[in-house]
């Protein structure tokens, strides 16, 4: 493929030489990601428990969940996603 002019799709040049502090930052980002994951799992489990206790018909539960997800999407839209695709 290299003889017909097709090269790599992306080039990621190294912006700086890796330093000793980079390992510390990677650990901090890993701990932050772990905390966000735990918070997400806790939220999902609590919402399951709440909806089991409500004992409403499934279509009412789905309506409540849809309104909740729609509110999140309205509050935090992804403005740059489509612009990055073009």
Foldseek 3Di string as FASTA:
>chain_A
DVVVPDDDPDDDDDPDDDDPCVVVVVVVVVVVVVVVVVVVVVVVVVVVVVVVVVPDDPVVVVVVVVVVVVVVCVVDPDVCPVVVVD
